[in-house]
Amino acid sequence: MQENILNAFAEQAKTMYAPMSKFNSLFVENMEKLTEYQINAVKSYAEMGLSQMKSAADVQDLESMRTFASSQAEVASGMNKKIMEDVKTLSDMTMEFKTQMEGIMEEMRNTAAETAKTTAKTASKAKAA
């Protein structure tokens, strides 16, 4: 009898911890995505900055200064566009993670309710025996 109760408890524990395992996997996967995204963003911004420094270093006379100065509005516009794209991408990643987390939380609630029912039935059977 006790062996049946222990086996039922072990099975319920596996069921109970399955969503937590999914949560951990999701968290690690998202951290990998976020880290890769951030590394690529930093690389992109660094390349833009270095390009601007090279352009500034190439200024040697009044004409090249005018060309450099006039290109700054275009560069600023490109940088603004890149920032807006990055913010949108980051927002999309966050919303996807939130949606996946809500699914796991719902699964955890259902599992907890099911486990509670099963435990109550097992306990009442054990008392009756």
N, C-alpha and C. Protein backbone atom coordinates (compact mmCIF):
# COMPACT_ATOMS: atom_id res chain seq x y z
N MET A 1 0.82 -1.19 0.00
CA MET A 1 0.00 0.00 0.00
C MET A 1 0.87 1.26 0.00
N GLN A 2 1.85 1.27 0.89
CA GLN A 2 2.73 2.43 0.95
C GLN A 2 3.53 2.59 -0.34
N GLU A 3 3.86 1.45 -0.93
CA GLU A 3 4.60 1.50 -2.19
C GLU A 3 3.77 2.16 -3.28
N ASN A 4 2.47 1.88 -3.30
CA ASN A 4 1.58 2.51 -4.28
C ASN A 4 1.52 4.01 -4.07
N ILE A 5 1.45 4.41 -2.81
CA ILE A 5 1.40 5.84 -2.49
C ILE A 5 2.71 6.51 -2.90
N LEU A 6 3.83 5.86 -2.60
CA LEU A 6 5.13 6.43 -2.98
C LEU A 6 5.29 6.50 -4.49
N ASN A 7 4.85 5.47 -5.19
CA ASN A 7 4.91 5.49 -6.65
C ASN A 7 4.04 6.60 -7.23
N ALA A 8 2.84 6.76 -6.66
CA ALA A 8 1.94 7.83 -7.11
C ALA A 8 2.57 9.20 -6.85
N PHE A 9 3.19 9.33 -5.68
CA PHE A 9 3.84 10.59 -5.34
C PHE A 9 4.99 10.89 -6.30
N ALA A 10 5.80 9.88 -6.62
CA ALA A 10 6.92 10.06 -7.54
C ALA A 10 6.43 10.46 -8.93
N GLU A 11 5.36 9.83 -9.38
CA GLU A 11 4.79 10.16 -10.69
C GLU A 11 4.25 11.59 -10.70
N GLN A 12 3.60 11.99 -9.61
CA GLN A 12 3.06 13.34 -9.52
C GLN A 12 4.19 14.37 -9.49
N ALA A 13 5.29 14.03 -8.83
CA ALA A 13 6.43 14.95 -8.76
C ALA A 13 7.01 15.16 -10.15
N LYS A 14 7.11 14.09 -10.95
CA LYS A 14 7.61 14.23 -12.32
C LYS A 14 6.70 15.15 -13.11
N THR A 15 5.39 14.93 -12.98
CA THR A 15 4.41 15.74 -13.70
C THR A 15 4.48 17.19 -13.25
N MET A 16 4.67 17.38 -11.96
CA MET A 16 4.68 18.72 -11.40
C MET A 16 5.90 19.52 -11.86
N TYR A 17 7.05 18.84 -12.01
CA TYR A 17 8.28 19.54 -12.35
C TYR A 17 8.50 19.67 -13.85
N ALA A 18 7.71 19.02 -14.67
CA ALA A 18 7.87 19.12 -16.14
C ALA A 18 7.73 20.57 -16.63
N PRO A 19 6.71 21.32 -16.18
CA PRO A 19 6.62 22.72 -16.63
C PRO A 19 7.81 23.57 -16.19
N MET A 20 8.35 23.28 -15.01
CA MET A 20 9.51 24.04 -14.53
C MET A 20 10.72 23.78 -15.43
N SER A 21 10.84 22.56 -15.89
CA SER A 21 11.92 22.22 -16.82
C SER A 21 11.73 22.99 -18.13
N LYS A 22 10.48 23.09 -18.60
CA LYS A 22 10.19 23.86 -19.81
C LYS A 22 10.54 25.33 -19.61
N PHE A 23 10.21 25.83 -18.43
CA PHE A 23 10.52 27.23 -18.11
C PHE A 23 12.03 27.46 -18.17
N ASN A 24 12.79 26.57 -17.56
CA ASN A 24 14.25 26.72 -17.56
C ASN A 24 14.81 26.69 -18.98
N SER A 25 14.32 25.77 -19.79
CA SER A 25 14.77 25.69 -21.18
C SER A 25 14.41 26.96 -21.95
N LEU A 26 13.19 27.44 -21.76
CA LEU A 26 12.75 28.67 -22.43
C LEU A 26 13.61 29.85 -22.00
N PHE A 27 13.89 29.94 -20.72
CA PHE A 27 14.70 31.04 -20.20
C PHE A 27 16.10 31.02 -20.81
N VAL A 28 16.73 29.85 -20.83
CA VAL A 28 18.08 29.74 -21.39
C VAL A 28 18.06 30.07 -22.88
N GLU A 29 17.07 29.55 -23.60
CA GLU A 29 16.95 29.83 -25.03
C GLU A 29 16.81 31.33 -25.29
N ASN A 30 15.98 31.98 -24.49
CA ASN A 30 15.79 33.42 -24.66
C ASN A 30 17.04 34.21 -24.29
N MET A 31 17.76 33.78 -23.29
CA MET A 31 19.00 34.47 -22.92
C MET A 31 20.02 34.33 -24.05
N GLU A 32 20.06 33.17 -24.70
CA GLU A 32 20.96 32.99 -25.83
C GLU A 32 20.59 33.93 -26.97
N LYS A 33 19.29 34.00 -27.28
CA LYS A 33 18.83 34.89 -28.35
C LYS A 33 19.16 36.34 -28.03
N LEU A 34 18.89 36.75 -26.80
CA LEU A 34 19.11 38.13 -26.38
C LEU A 34 20.60 38.48 -26.42
N THR A 35 21.43 37.56 -25.95
CA THR A 35 22.87 37.81 -25.95
C THR A 35 23.39 37.94 -27.38
N GLU A 36 22.96 37.04 -28.26
CA GLU A 36 23.39 37.11 -29.66
C GLU A 36 22.91 38.42 -30.30
N TYR A 37 21.68 38.80 -29.99
CA TYR A 37 21.13 40.04 -30.52
C TYR A 37 21.95 41.25 -30.06
N GLN A 38 22.27 41.27 -28.77
CA GLN A 38 23.03 42.39 -28.23
C GLN A 38 24.44 42.45 -28.81
N ILE A 39 25.06 41.31 -28.98
CA ILE A 39 26.41 41.29 -29.57
C ILE A 39 26.36 41.85 -30.99
N ASN A 40 25.37 41.42 -31.76
CA ASN A 40 25.24 41.91 -33.14
C ASN A 40 24.94 43.41 -33.17
N ALA A 41 24.11 43.87 -32.24
CA ALA A 41 23.78 45.30 -32.19
C ALA A 41 25.02 46.12 -31.84
N VAL A 42 25.77 45.69 -30.84
CA VAL A 42 26.98 46.42 -30.45
C VAL A 42 27.97 46.44 -31.62
N LYS A 43 28.10 45.32 -32.31
CA LYS A 43 29.01 45.26 -33.46
C LYS A 43 28.56 46.26 -34.54
N SER A 44 27.26 46.28 -34.80
CA SER A 44 26.73 47.18 -35.82
C SER A 44 26.97 48.65 -35.46
N TYR A 45 26.69 49.01 -34.20
CA TYR A 45 26.90 50.39 -33.76
C TYR A 45 28.38 50.75 -33.77
N ALA A 46 29.23 49.81 -33.41
CA ALA A 46 30.67 50.06 -33.42
C ALA A 46 31.16 50.30 -34.84
N GLU A 47 30.65 49.50 -35.78
CA GLU A 47 31.03 49.68 -37.18
C GLU A 47 30.59 51.05 -37.70
N MET A 48 29.39 51.48 -37.30
CA MET A 48 28.92 52.80 -37.71
C MET A 48 29.84 53.90 -37.15
N GLY A 49 30.19 53.76 -35.88
CA GLY A 49 31.05 54.75 -35.24
C GLY A 49 32.44 54.80 -35.86
N LEU A 50 33.00 53.63 -36.13
CA LEU A 50 34.33 53.59 -36.75
C LEU A 50 34.29 54.17 -38.16
N SER A 51 33.23 53.89 -38.88
CA SER A 51 33.07 54.45 -40.22
C SER A 51 33.05 55.97 -40.16
N GLN A 52 32.35 56.52 -39.18
CA GLN A 52 32.29 57.98 -39.02
C GLN A 52 33.65 58.55 -38.64
N MET A 53 34.37 57.83 -37.79
CA MET A 53 35.71 58.32 -37.41
C MET A 53 36.64 58.31 -38.61
N LYS A 54 36.55 57.28 -39.44
CA LYS A 54 37.38 57.22 -40.65
C LYS A 54 37.02 58.37 -41.60
N SER A 55 35.72 58.61 -41.73
CA SER A 55 35.29 59.72 -42.59
C SER A 55 35.79 61.05 -42.06
N ALA A 56 35.75 61.23 -40.75
CA ALA A 56 36.23 62.48 -40.15
C ALA A 56 37.74 62.61 -40.32
N ALA A 57 38.44 61.49 -40.24
CA ALA A 57 39.90 61.52 -40.40
C ALA A 57 40.31 61.84 -41.83
N ASP A 58 39.42 61.57 -42.78
CA ASP A 58 39.71 61.84 -44.19
C ASP A 58 39.53 63.31 -44.57
N VAL A 59 38.99 64.11 -43.64
CA VAL A 59 38.79 65.54 -43.92
C VAL A 59 40.16 66.21 -43.99
N GLN A 60 40.45 66.81 -45.17
CA GLN A 60 41.76 67.43 -45.34
C GLN A 60 41.68 68.86 -45.85
N ASP A 61 40.51 69.22 -46.37
CA ASP A 61 40.37 70.58 -46.87
C ASP A 61 38.92 71.03 -46.69
N LEU A 62 38.62 72.23 -47.09
CA LEU A 62 37.28 72.80 -46.92
C LEU A 62 36.22 71.99 -47.66
N GLU A 63 36.53 71.55 -48.85
CA GLU A 63 35.56 70.78 -49.65
C GLU A 63 35.23 69.43 -48.99
N SER A 64 36.25 68.74 -48.52
CA SER A 64 36.00 67.46 -47.86
C SER A 64 35.26 67.66 -46.53
N MET A 65 35.48 68.81 -45.89
CA MET A 65 34.75 69.15 -44.66
C MET A 65 33.28 69.35 -44.98
N ARG A 66 32.98 70.06 -46.07
CA ARG A 66 31.58 70.27 -46.47
C ARG A 66 30.91 68.94 -46.79
N THR A 67 31.59 68.07 -47.50
CA THR A 67 31.04 66.76 -47.85
C THR A 67 30.76 65.95 -46.59
N PHE A 68 31.72 65.97 -45.68
CA PHE A 68 31.55 65.26 -44.41
C PHE A 68 30.37 65.82 -43.62
N ALA A 69 30.30 67.12 -43.51
CA ALA A 69 29.22 67.76 -42.74
C ALA A 69 27.86 67.49 -43.37
N SER A 70 27.78 67.53 -44.69
CA SER A 70 26.49 67.30 -45.34
C SER A 70 26.04 65.83 -45.21
N SER A 71 26.99 64.93 -45.07
CA SER A 71 26.63 63.52 -44.93
C SER A 71 26.15 63.18 -43.52
N GLN A 72 26.37 64.07 -42.57
CA GLN A 72 26.01 63.79 -41.18
C GLN A 72 24.50 63.64 -40.98
N ALA A 73 23.70 64.40 -41.71
CA ALA A 73 22.24 64.28 -41.59
C ALA A 73 21.80 62.89 -42.05
N GLU A 74 22.41 62.42 -43.14
CA GLU A 74 22.08 61.09 -43.65
C GLU A 74 22.52 60.00 -42.66
N VAL A 75 23.67 60.17 -42.09
CA VAL A 75 24.18 59.21 -41.10
C VAL A 75 23.28 59.20 -39.87
N ALA A 76 22.89 60.37 -39.41
CA ALA A 76 22.00 60.46 -38.25
C ALA A 76 20.66 59.80 -38.53
N SER A 77 20.15 60.00 -39.73
CA SER A 77 18.88 59.37 -40.13
C SER A 77 19.02 57.85 -40.15
N GLY A 78 20.13 57.36 -40.69
CA GLY A 78 20.38 55.91 -40.71
C GLY A 78 20.51 55.35 -39.32
N MET A 79 21.18 56.08 -38.45
CA MET A 79 21.34 55.63 -37.05
C MET A 79 19.99 55.60 -36.35
N ASN A 80 19.18 56.61 -36.57
CA ASN A 80 17.84 56.66 -35.98
C ASN A 80 16.99 55.47 -36.46
N LYS A 81 17.07 55.19 -37.76
CA LYS A 81 16.32 54.07 -38.32
C LYS A 81 16.78 52.74 -37.69
N LYS A 82 18.09 52.57 -37.55
CA LYS A 82 18.65 51.36 -36.94
C LYS A 82 18.18 51.21 -35.50
N ILE A 83 18.18 52.29 -34.75
CA ILE A 83 17.74 52.25 -33.36
C ILE A 83 16.27 51.85 -33.28
N MET A 84 15.45 52.43 -34.14
CA MET A 84 14.01 52.10 -34.14
C MET A 84 13.79 50.62 -34.51
N GLU A 85 14.53 50.11 -35.47
CA GLU A 85 14.42 48.70 -35.84
C GLU A 85 14.84 47.81 -34.68
N ASP A 86 15.91 48.20 -34.00
CA ASP A 86 16.39 47.41 -32.86
C ASP A 86 15.38 47.40 -31.72
N VAL A 87 14.77 48.54 -31.45
CA VAL A 87 13.75 48.62 -30.40
C VAL A 87 12.56 47.73 -30.75
N LYS A 88 12.14 47.75 -32.01
CA LYS A 88 11.02 46.90 -32.42
C LYS A 88 11.37 45.42 -32.29
N THR A 89 12.56 45.05 -32.73
CA THR A 89 13.00 43.66 -32.63
C THR A 89 13.04 43.21 -31.18
N LEU A 90 13.57 44.05 -30.33
CA LEU A 90 13.65 43.73 -28.90
C LEU A 90 12.25 43.61 -28.31
N SER A 91 11.35 44.48 -28.70
CA SER A 91 9.96 44.42 -28.23
C SER A 91 9.29 43.13 -28.69
N ASP A 92 9.52 42.74 -29.94
CA ASP A 92 8.95 41.50 -30.46
C ASP A 92 9.48 40.29 -29.70
N MET A 93 10.78 40.30 -29.39
CA MET A 93 11.37 39.20 -28.64
C MET A 93 10.75 39.11 -27.24
N THR A 94 10.54 40.26 -26.63
CA THR A 94 9.95 40.30 -25.30
C THR A 94 8.51 39.78 -25.31
N MET A 95 7.75 40.18 -26.30
CA MET A 95 6.35 39.72 -26.40
C MET A 95 6.28 38.22 -26.65
N GLU A 96 7.18 37.69 -27.46
CA GLU A 96 7.21 36.26 -27.72
C GLU A 96 7.52 35.50 -26.43
N PHE A 97 8.50 35.99 -25.67
CA PHE A 97 8.86 35.36 -24.40
C PHE A 97 7.69 35.41 -23.43
N LYS A 98 7.01 36.54 -23.37
CA LYS A 98 5.86 36.70 -22.48
C LYS A 98 4.76 35.69 -22.83
N THR A 99 4.48 35.56 -24.12
CA THR A 99 3.45 34.63 -24.57
C THR A 99 3.82 33.19 -24.21
N GLN A 100 5.07 32.83 -24.44
CA GLN A 100 5.51 31.49 -24.09
C GLN A 100 5.45 31.25 -22.59
N MET A 101 5.82 32.26 -21.81
CA MET A 101 5.75 32.14 -20.35
C MET A 101 4.32 31.97 -19.87
N GLU A 102 3.40 32.69 -20.47
CA GLU A 102 1.99 32.56 -20.09
C GLU A 102 1.50 31.14 -20.36
N GLY A 103 1.94 30.56 -21.47
CA GLY A 103 1.56 29.17 -21.79
C GLY A 103 2.09 28.20 -20.75
N ILE A 104 3.33 28.40 -20.34
CA ILE A 104 3.92 27.52 -19.32
C ILE A 104 3.22 27.72 -17.98
N MET A 105 2.90 28.96 -17.64
CA MET A 105 2.21 29.22 -16.36
C MET A 105 0.83 28.56 -16.36
N GLU A 106 0.14 28.61 -17.49
CA GLU A 106 -1.16 27.97 -17.59
C GLU A 106 -1.02 26.46 -17.42
N GLU A 107 0.01 25.92 -18.05
CA GLU A 107 0.27 24.48 -17.92
C GLU A 107 0.58 24.13 -16.46
N MET A 108 1.33 24.98 -15.79
CA MET A 108 1.66 24.74 -14.38
C MET A 108 0.41 24.78 -13.51
N ARG A 109 -0.48 25.73 -13.79
CA ARG A 109 -1.73 25.80 -13.02
C ARG A 109 -2.56 24.53 -13.22
N ASN A 110 -2.67 24.10 -14.48
CA ASN A 110 -3.44 22.89 -14.77
C ASN A 110 -2.82 21.66 -14.13
N THR A 111 -1.50 21.58 -14.18
CA THR A 111 -0.80 20.46 -13.57
C THR A 111 -1.00 20.45 -12.06
N ALA A 112 -0.90 21.63 -11.45
CA ALA A 112 -1.09 21.71 -10.00
C ALA A 112 -2.50 21.30 -9.61
N ALA A 113 -3.50 21.74 -10.37
CA ALA A 113 -4.88 21.37 -10.08
C ALA A 113 -5.08 19.86 -10.24
N GLU A 114 -4.52 19.31 -11.29
CA GLU A 114 -4.64 17.87 -11.54
C GLU A 114 -3.93 17.08 -10.45
N THR A 115 -2.77 17.54 -10.05
CA THR A 115 -2.02 16.86 -8.98
C THR A 115 -2.77 16.92 -7.67
N ALA A 116 -3.38 18.05 -7.39
CA ALA A 116 -4.16 18.18 -6.15
C ALA A 116 -5.33 17.20 -6.14
N LYS A 117 -6.01 17.07 -7.26
CA LYS A 117 -7.13 16.14 -7.37
C LYS A 117 -6.66 14.71 -7.18
N THR A 118 -5.57 14.36 -7.85
CA THR A 118 -5.05 13.00 -7.75
C THR A 118 -4.58 12.69 -6.33
N THR A 119 -3.94 13.64 -5.71
CA THR A 119 -3.46 13.45 -4.34
C THR A 119 -4.63 13.27 -3.38
N ALA A 120 -5.66 14.06 -3.57
CA ALA A 120 -6.84 13.95 -2.71
C ALA A 120 -7.49 12.58 -2.88
N LYS A 121 -7.60 12.10 -4.13
CA LYS A 121 -8.19 10.78 -4.37
C LYS A 121 -7.34 9.68 -3.74
N THR A 122 -6.01 9.79 -3.91
CA THR A 122 -5.11 8.78 -3.35
C THR A 122 -5.19 8.79 -1.84
N ALA A 123 -5.25 9.96 -1.24
CA ALA A 123 -5.32 10.05 0.22
C ALA A 123 -6.64 9.48 0.74
N SER A 124 -7.73 9.76 0.04
CA SER A 124 -9.02 9.24 0.50
C SER A 124 -9.08 7.73 0.33
N LYS A 125 -8.47 7.19 -0.70
CA LYS A 125 -8.41 5.74 -0.89
C LYS A 125 -7.55 5.10 0.21
N ALA A 126 -6.46 5.77 0.56
CA ALA A 126 -5.57 5.23 1.60
C ALA A 126 -6.28 5.23 2.95
N LYS A 127 -7.07 6.24 3.24
CA LYS A 127 -7.82 6.29 4.49
C LYS A 127 -8.89 5.21 4.54
N ALA A 128 -9.51 4.96 3.39
CA ALA A 128 -10.58 3.97 3.32
C ALA A 128 -10.03 2.56 3.49
N ALA A 129 -8.81 2.35 3.11
CA ALA A 129 -8.23 1.01 3.19
C ALA A 129 -7.69 0.76 4.55
